[in-house]
Structures are given as structure tokens and as C-alpha cells.
Amino acid sequence: MNIVKGIVGKAQEETDKLVSTLRHQRPKGSSIGEPAGEGERQYLIGGNWKCNGTAESLTELIKEFNKAGPIPANVEVAICAPYIYLNLCTSKLRDDIAVGAQNCGVNDGPGAYTGEISAAQLRDVGCEWVIIGHSERREGFGMTGEDEELCAKKLKVALDAGLKVMFAIGEKKEEREAGTTMDVCAKQLAPAAKLLSESDWANVAIAYEPVWAIGTGLTATPEMAQETHASIREWIAEHVSPEVAKAIRIQYGGSMKGSNAQDLLAQPDIDGGLIGGASLLADFFNVINGVEKK
């Protein structure tokens, strides 16, 4: 067993070196301001391109991002692209924006998993992040949706492969109206809390996405979002540990855009955003710059 662990560890080490090399070959980014201080959470702004774009249109978008100016030093930024455009991002996107995928297989290695992309393969092509548990995958689209147990297993597999994970949770409109928002979020978090070690959580961000606000133009008020984020942090404190709860970043993902980002990001328990439609526009940088610079 120790020999196997040693081989796996060596392979991950080599992959990490490759990812670092690929990143340093990309166009240089720039930063402004001061980084997050000791004990402060660094903001995380993730872009989810979903099933959008062409090689031509995304190349033009990357050019826009590359010349969009400095990124605040207290903000981490990642773009989660469709699988077939990951190479475009890892070769052309500025080096201060990490590259991620939108899903990975539950398989923890190669094998007869037709159509799947493993977490290890994502690392191999330069990915640093992956989204797991997005509501569109939990619900399904012409296919069976992914349940809480499956999402938790994928989360663990991705972490073990060396990826960082934006783990998405959130309630539907009728659940919000019934007052069961935290019941739903807790049900989605519970299997992950059982599978993950406390140290695993250092590479997890929770993306709270009220399903009723995704792609609808509807947005939770900053006060509504803050209330839910605070409740999620309290749940983590009780069911994982107070230390993890204090450190973990909780993103908001319900139709955040440049026009509302500043008010949402000013809330004490909102540590960033998972951005859909606006991440396909120059407006993505208005979201990034909605963070209060240090």
C-alpha cells in the first residue's frame, strides 16, 4: 500500500510541476492593492462558461480578459471552461486567472468509463479547479440528475487528484418559499462532511447558488444572501469544525454581475461569486473589481 501511495504521490508531484510550467508560459497578468492579510479570507471569483462559446468567440473573450487591467491582490480568479476549450485557456489566458473544469467523473483512475473525464486527466491538462454539484447537474437535463452522495464522492475524488473544488449547493424557489433553504443546503453538505477529512476542506469553496436565481435575472438581496451564507458557515462550524468554518470561502452564485457585485461582496460572509452569464462578457471584470481593494 505504501508503494502504491508513493507512486501516486510521485505522479501528482510531476503533474503539479507540469501545471506550474503551463501557467508560467501564459501571458502575464498584473495585480493591484494588497493581498488578504493573515486570518482573512481571500475572495474567489469563479467564471462558469457552461456549454457556451466557440474557439473563435472564446479566443476573443480571452483577449478582452488579458487586457482588462490588474486584478485586486486580495482576489483569486478562475475560469471553468467546457472540456474542449481547456487547452485554449491553459495556453492563452493570462497567468493570474486559474483554469478549471465544470465537472469530473466519479472514477478515481483510468478505465472503461466511456465519455467520462477523470479528475487526474483534468490536472494533467493544467486544470487547478473543478465545479462539483452545480444545480444543473443535480437536476439533470435529459438525464438522471446527480444526487448528494454522488456529488460528495466526486468531490473527494477531485480533491484526492489534487484539484481545488467549488462545491455548489442551493435551494429551489418552492423550497425558499417553504422556509427550508438550510434544510436543503444541509442535506447537500452532509455526505461531504462524512467523506472529507478536516484538511480536505482547505481546498474546497462552497458555492451557494439559489436555483431560482440562476440565469433568471432574479437575485437574492444582499441581506438574504448574507443570512444564508452565515447559516452555511454555522453549519460547517457545527458539523466539520469552527476552524474550517472560519477559513472556508463561500461564494454567491445567483445572477451576480457588475451592477450588483459590490453590494453582495460587501457582506461579511460572502467571499466571492460563481458567475455564469457575466463571465462570458467583459462585465466579468466589473464583478472582480466589485471587491473592496485592500
Protein backbone atom coordinates (compact mmCIF):
# COMPACT_ATOMS: atom_id res chain seq x y z
CA MET A 1 0.00 0.00 0.00
CA ASN A 2 2.83 2.41 0.85
CA ILE A 3 4.47 1.65 -2.51
CA VAL A 4 1.20 2.47 -4.32
CA LYS A 5 0.81 5.70 -2.34
CA GLY A 6 4.38 6.60 -3.20
CA ILE A 7 3.77 6.06 -6.92
CA VAL A 8 0.55 8.10 -6.81
CA GLY A 9 2.26 10.86 -4.85
CA LYS A 10 5.14 11.00 -7.33
CA ALA A 11 2.70 11.18 -10.26
CA GLN A 12 0.83 14.06 -8.60
CA GLU A 13 4.10 15.86 -7.95
CA GLU A 14 5.05 15.60 -11.63
CA THR A 15 1.58 16.80 -12.66
CA ASP A 16 1.86 19.78 -10.32
CA LYS A 17 5.16 20.72 -11.95
CA LEU A 18 3.56 20.49 -15.41
CA VAL A 19 0.61 22.67 -14.34
CA SER A 20 3.02 25.26 -12.93
CA THR A 21 5.07 25.22 -16.15
CA LEU A 22 1.98 25.66 -18.32
CA ARG A 23 0.80 28.58 -16.20
CA HIS A 24 4.12 30.38 -16.40
CA GLN A 25 4.09 30.11 -20.19
CA ARG A 26 0.85 32.07 -20.43
CA PRO A 27 0.54 35.87 -20.88
CA LYS A 28 1.45 37.76 -17.72
CA GLY A 29 -1.30 39.22 -15.60
CA SER A 30 -1.00 42.06 -13.11
CA SER A 31 -2.32 42.91 -9.66
CA ILE A 32 -3.18 45.98 -7.63
CA GLY A 33 -3.50 46.60 -3.90
CA GLU A 34 -2.51 44.38 -1.02
CA PRO A 35 -3.16 40.64 -0.61
CA ALA A 36 -5.51 39.33 2.05
CA GLY A 37 -3.97 39.59 5.48
CA GLU A 38 -3.28 36.77 7.89
CA GLY A 39 -6.55 35.25 9.05
CA GLU A 40 -8.53 36.98 6.28
CA ARG A 41 -10.28 35.03 3.54
CA GLN A 42 -9.14 35.76 0.00
CA TYR A 43 -12.05 36.43 -2.32
CA LEU A 44 -12.73 33.83 -5.02
CA ILE A 45 -14.40 34.87 -8.26
CA GLY A 46 -15.14 31.90 -10.50
CA GLY A 47 -16.46 32.09 -14.03
CA ASN A 48 -18.64 29.24 -15.34
CA TRP A 49 -18.84 29.34 -19.12
CA LYS A 50 -21.24 26.35 -19.09
CA CYS A 51 -21.90 24.93 -22.60
CA ASN A 52 -21.17 28.21 -24.37
CA GLY A 53 -18.70 29.61 -26.86
CA THR A 54 -16.71 28.63 -29.91
CA ALA A 55 -12.96 28.60 -30.42
CA GLU A 56 -13.30 31.93 -32.21
CA SER A 57 -15.58 33.67 -29.70
CA LEU A 58 -13.68 32.46 -26.63
CA THR A 59 -10.35 33.47 -28.14
CA GLU A 60 -11.74 36.98 -28.49
CA LEU A 61 -13.07 36.90 -24.92
CA ILE A 62 -9.68 35.77 -23.61
CA LYS A 63 -8.09 38.71 -25.44
CA GLU A 64 -10.55 41.01 -23.63
CA PHE A 65 -9.68 39.49 -20.26
CA ASN A 66 -5.94 39.67 -20.96
CA LYS A 67 -6.08 43.42 -21.50
CA ALA A 68 -8.67 44.15 -18.79
CA GLY A 69 -6.18 45.57 -16.32
CA PRO A 70 -4.95 44.45 -12.92
CA ILE A 71 -6.77 42.06 -10.61
CA PRO A 72 -7.01 43.08 -6.93
CA ALA A 73 -4.36 41.20 -4.96
CA ASN A 74 -6.94 40.02 -2.43
CA VAL A 75 -8.91 38.19 -5.16
CA GLU A 76 -8.35 34.75 -6.69
CA VAL A 77 -9.92 34.29 -10.12
CA ALA A 78 -10.68 31.09 -12.02
CA ILE A 79 -12.45 30.33 -15.30
CA CYS A 80 -14.23 26.99 -15.67
CA ALA A 81 -14.43 26.24 -19.37
CA PRO A 82 -16.02 23.45 -21.45
CA TYR A 83 -13.67 20.47 -21.70
CA ILE A 84 -12.85 21.04 -25.37
CA TYR A 85 -11.68 24.60 -24.70
CA LEU A 86 -9.50 23.91 -21.66
CA ASN A 87 -6.38 23.85 -23.82
CA LEU A 88 -7.33 27.24 -25.25
CA CYS A 89 -7.40 28.65 -21.73
CA THR A 90 -4.24 26.92 -20.49
CA SER A 91 -2.30 28.28 -23.45
CA LYS A 92 -3.73 31.77 -24.00
CA LEU A 93 -5.42 33.06 -20.81
CA ARG A 94 -3.44 35.44 -18.58
CA ASP A 95 -1.49 33.59 -15.90
CA ASP A 96 -3.23 35.20 -12.91
CA ILE A 97 -6.52 33.51 -13.83
CA ALA A 98 -6.63 29.82 -12.95
CA VAL A 99 -8.26 27.34 -15.30
CA GLY A 100 -10.92 24.88 -14.18
CA ALA A 101 -13.50 22.42 -15.48
CA GLN A 102 -17.22 22.22 -14.80
CA ASN A 103 -17.42 18.55 -13.80
CA CYS A 104 -15.35 15.41 -13.48
CA GLY A 105 -16.01 11.69 -13.34
CA VAL A 106 -16.51 9.77 -10.11
CA ASN A 107 -13.85 7.29 -11.29
CA ASP A 108 -10.58 7.75 -9.45
CA GLY A 109 -8.43 6.44 -12.29
CA PRO A 110 -8.38 5.37 -15.93
CA GLY A 111 -10.54 2.57 -17.23
CA ALA A 112 -13.72 1.64 -19.06
CA TYR A 113 -15.68 4.81 -18.35
CA THR A 114 -16.84 5.82 -21.81
CA GLY A 115 -17.45 9.54 -22.13
CA GLU A 116 -16.02 10.44 -18.71
CA ILE A 117 -13.14 12.79 -17.95
CA SER A 118 -11.27 11.93 -14.75
CA ALA A 119 -10.00 14.42 -12.21
CA ALA A 120 -6.45 13.19 -12.86
CA GLN A 121 -6.86 13.95 -16.58
CA LEU A 122 -8.04 17.47 -15.73
CA ARG A 123 -4.90 18.00 -13.66
CA ASP A 124 -2.82 16.58 -16.49
CA VAL A 125 -4.02 19.27 -18.93
CA GLY A 126 -3.41 22.11 -16.49
CA CYS A 127 -6.66 22.47 -14.53
CA GLU A 128 -6.48 23.72 -10.96
CA TRP A 129 -10.21 23.92 -10.18
CA VAL A 130 -13.38 21.99 -10.90
CA ILE A 131 -17.04 22.71 -10.16
CA ILE A 132 -18.88 19.82 -8.50
CA GLY A 133 -22.59 19.70 -7.70
CA HIS A 134 -23.87 22.54 -9.88
CA SER A 135 -27.67 22.62 -9.72
CA GLU A 136 -27.95 21.95 -13.45
CA ARG A 137 -26.15 18.65 -12.92
CA ARG A 138 -28.00 17.84 -9.70
CA GLU A 139 -31.31 18.39 -11.52
CA GLY A 140 -30.25 16.77 -14.80
CA PHE A 141 -31.01 17.85 -18.35
CA GLY A 142 -32.36 14.98 -20.40
CA MET A 143 -30.61 12.63 -17.98
CA THR A 144 -30.82 11.48 -14.38
CA GLY A 145 -29.54 14.16 -12.02
CA GLU A 146 -26.64 13.68 -9.63
CA ASP A 147 -27.69 13.05 -6.04
CA GLU A 148 -26.00 14.21 -2.85
CA GLU A 149 -24.00 11.01 -2.38
CA LEU A 150 -22.62 11.07 -5.92
CA CYS A 151 -21.67 14.74 -5.66
CA ALA A 152 -19.82 14.06 -2.41
CA LYS A 153 -17.93 11.13 -3.96
CA LYS A 154 -16.91 13.30 -6.93
CA LEU A 155 -15.78 16.00 -4.52
CA LYS A 156 -13.50 13.56 -2.69
CA VAL A 157 -12.12 12.07 -5.92
CA ALA A 158 -11.31 15.55 -7.26
CA LEU A 159 -9.56 16.59 -4.05
CA ASP A 160 -7.53 13.39 -3.94
CA ALA A 161 -6.37 14.09 -7.51
CA GLY A 162 -5.02 17.49 -6.46
CA LEU A 163 -7.83 19.70 -7.75
CA LYS A 164 -9.46 22.51 -5.80
CA VAL A 165 -13.26 22.37 -5.85
CA MET A 166 -16.11 24.85 -5.99
CA PHE A 167 -18.82 22.72 -4.39
CA ALA A 168 -22.22 24.06 -5.39
CA ILE A 169 -25.32 23.85 -3.21
CA GLY A 170 -28.65 25.68 -3.14
CA GLU A 171 -32.42 25.55 -2.95
CA LYS A 172 -35.26 25.81 -5.47
CA LYS A 173 -37.87 28.58 -5.42
CA GLU A 174 -40.54 26.48 -3.72
CA GLU A 175 -38.03 25.43 -1.05
CA ARG A 176 -37.11 29.05 -0.36
CA GLU A 177 -40.81 29.94 -0.09
CA ALA A 178 -41.41 26.98 2.25
CA GLY A 179 -38.62 28.18 4.53
CA THR A 180 -36.50 25.05 4.05
CA THR A 181 -33.42 26.65 2.48
CA MET A 182 -30.98 25.46 5.15
CA ASP A 183 -32.57 22.01 5.30
CA VAL A 184 -31.80 21.62 1.61
CA CYS A 185 -28.26 23.01 1.91
CA ALA A 186 -27.55 20.80 4.93
CA LYS A 187 -28.76 17.71 3.06
CA GLN A 188 -26.38 18.54 0.20
CA LEU A 189 -23.44 19.18 2.55
CA ALA A 190 -23.89 16.25 4.93
CA PRO A 191 -22.42 13.45 2.73
CA ALA A 192 -19.38 15.62 2.02
CA ALA A 193 -18.86 16.26 5.72
CA LYS A 194 -18.77 12.47 6.28
CA LEU A 195 -16.31 11.76 3.45
CA LEU A 196 -13.82 14.60 3.79
CA SER A 197 -11.03 14.94 6.32
CA GLU A 198 -10.67 18.30 8.02
CA SER A 199 -7.58 19.04 5.93
CA ASP A 200 -9.51 18.34 2.70
CA TRP A 201 -11.66 21.41 3.31
CA ALA A 202 -8.67 23.73 2.73
CA ASN A 203 -9.14 23.08 -1.00
CA VAL A 204 -12.93 23.50 -1.06
CA ALA A 205 -15.01 26.60 -1.65
CA ILE A 206 -18.76 26.36 -1.16
CA ALA A 207 -20.73 28.00 -3.96
CA TYR A 208 -24.19 28.87 -2.67
CA GLU A 209 -26.44 29.15 -5.71
CA PRO A 210 -30.16 29.67 -5.12
CA VAL A 211 -31.54 27.68 -8.06
CA TRP A 212 -34.36 30.18 -8.58
CA ALA A 213 -31.81 32.93 -9.26
CA ILE A 214 -29.54 31.10 -11.74
CA GLY A 215 -29.88 32.53 -15.23
CA THR A 216 -33.25 34.09 -14.40
CA GLY A 217 -32.12 37.63 -13.75
CA LEU A 218 -33.53 37.27 -10.23
CA THR A 219 -31.04 37.84 -7.43
CA ALA A 220 -31.26 37.38 -3.69
CA THR A 221 -30.91 40.70 -1.91
CA PRO A 222 -27.53 41.15 -0.23
CA GLU A 223 -29.28 40.70 3.11
CA MET A 224 -30.96 37.44 2.03
CA ALA A 225 -27.70 36.08 0.64
CA GLN A 226 -25.77 37.07 3.76
CA GLU A 227 -28.29 35.34 6.00
CA THR A 228 -27.93 32.06 4.12
CA HIS A 229 -24.13 32.32 3.89
CA ALA A 230 -23.95 32.89 7.65
CA SER A 231 -26.17 29.85 8.24
CA ILE A 232 -23.96 27.71 6.00
CA ARG A 233 -20.88 28.85 7.95
CA GLU A 234 -22.64 27.97 11.22
CA TRP A 235 -23.48 24.51 9.85
CA ILE A 236 -19.83 23.94 8.90
CA ALA A 237 -18.73 25.05 12.37
CA GLU A 238 -21.07 22.52 13.98
CA HIS A 239 -20.58 19.56 11.63
CA VAL A 240 -16.95 19.97 10.49
CA SER A 241 -15.07 22.35 12.79
CA PRO A 242 -15.03 26.03 13.85
CA GLU A 243 -11.58 26.37 12.24
CA VAL A 244 -12.82 25.18 8.84
CA ALA A 245 -15.91 27.40 9.14
CA LYS A 246 -13.75 30.46 9.76
CA ALA A 247 -11.43 29.73 6.84
CA ILE A 248 -13.74 28.35 4.15
CA ARG A 249 -14.79 30.65 1.33
CA ILE A 250 -18.49 30.78 0.49
CA GLN A 251 -19.29 32.19 -2.95
CA TYR A 252 -22.63 33.57 -4.07
CA GLY A 253 -23.84 32.34 -7.45
CA GLY A 254 -27.30 33.67 -8.26
CA SER A 255 -27.05 36.06 -11.24
CA MET A 256 -24.17 38.10 -9.82
CA LYS A 257 -22.98 40.71 -12.32
CA GLY A 258 -21.14 44.00 -12.39
CA SER A 259 -24.17 46.05 -11.36
CA ASN A 260 -24.84 44.13 -8.11
CA ALA A 261 -21.47 42.62 -7.24
CA GLN A 262 -20.24 45.39 -4.97
CA ASP A 263 -23.25 45.24 -2.63
CA LEU A 264 -23.17 41.43 -2.47
CA LEU A 265 -19.42 41.22 -1.94
CA ALA A 266 -19.58 43.77 0.87
CA GLN A 267 -21.42 41.25 3.06
CA PRO A 268 -19.21 39.68 5.76
CA ASP A 269 -19.90 36.05 4.85
CA ILE A 270 -19.88 36.41 1.05
CA ASP A 271 -16.35 35.60 -0.08
CA GLY A 272 -16.76 35.79 -3.84
CA GLY A 273 -19.00 34.63 -6.62
CA LEU A 274 -19.57 31.84 -9.12
CA ILE A 275 -20.52 33.79 -12.22
CA GLY A 276 -22.46 32.40 -15.18
CA GLY A 277 -23.64 34.74 -17.92
CA ALA A 278 -21.49 37.70 -16.92
CA SER A 279 -18.33 35.56 -17.17
CA LEU A 280 -18.86 35.45 -20.95
CA LEU A 281 -18.67 39.23 -21.12
CA ALA A 282 -16.20 41.98 -20.31
CA ASP A 283 -18.56 42.61 -17.36
CA PHE A 284 -16.76 39.75 -15.59
CA PHE A 285 -14.04 42.22 -14.65
CA ASN A 286 -16.64 44.58 -13.19
CA VAL A 287 -17.51 41.74 -10.82
CA ILE A 288 -13.84 41.19 -9.97
CA ASN A 289 -13.40 44.89 -9.32
CA GLY A 290 -16.53 44.91 -7.17
CA VAL A 291 -14.35 43.53 -4.38
CA GLU A 292 -13.15 46.15 -1.92
CA LYS A 293 -9.42 46.52 -2.53
CA LYS A 294 -7.05 46.48 0.40
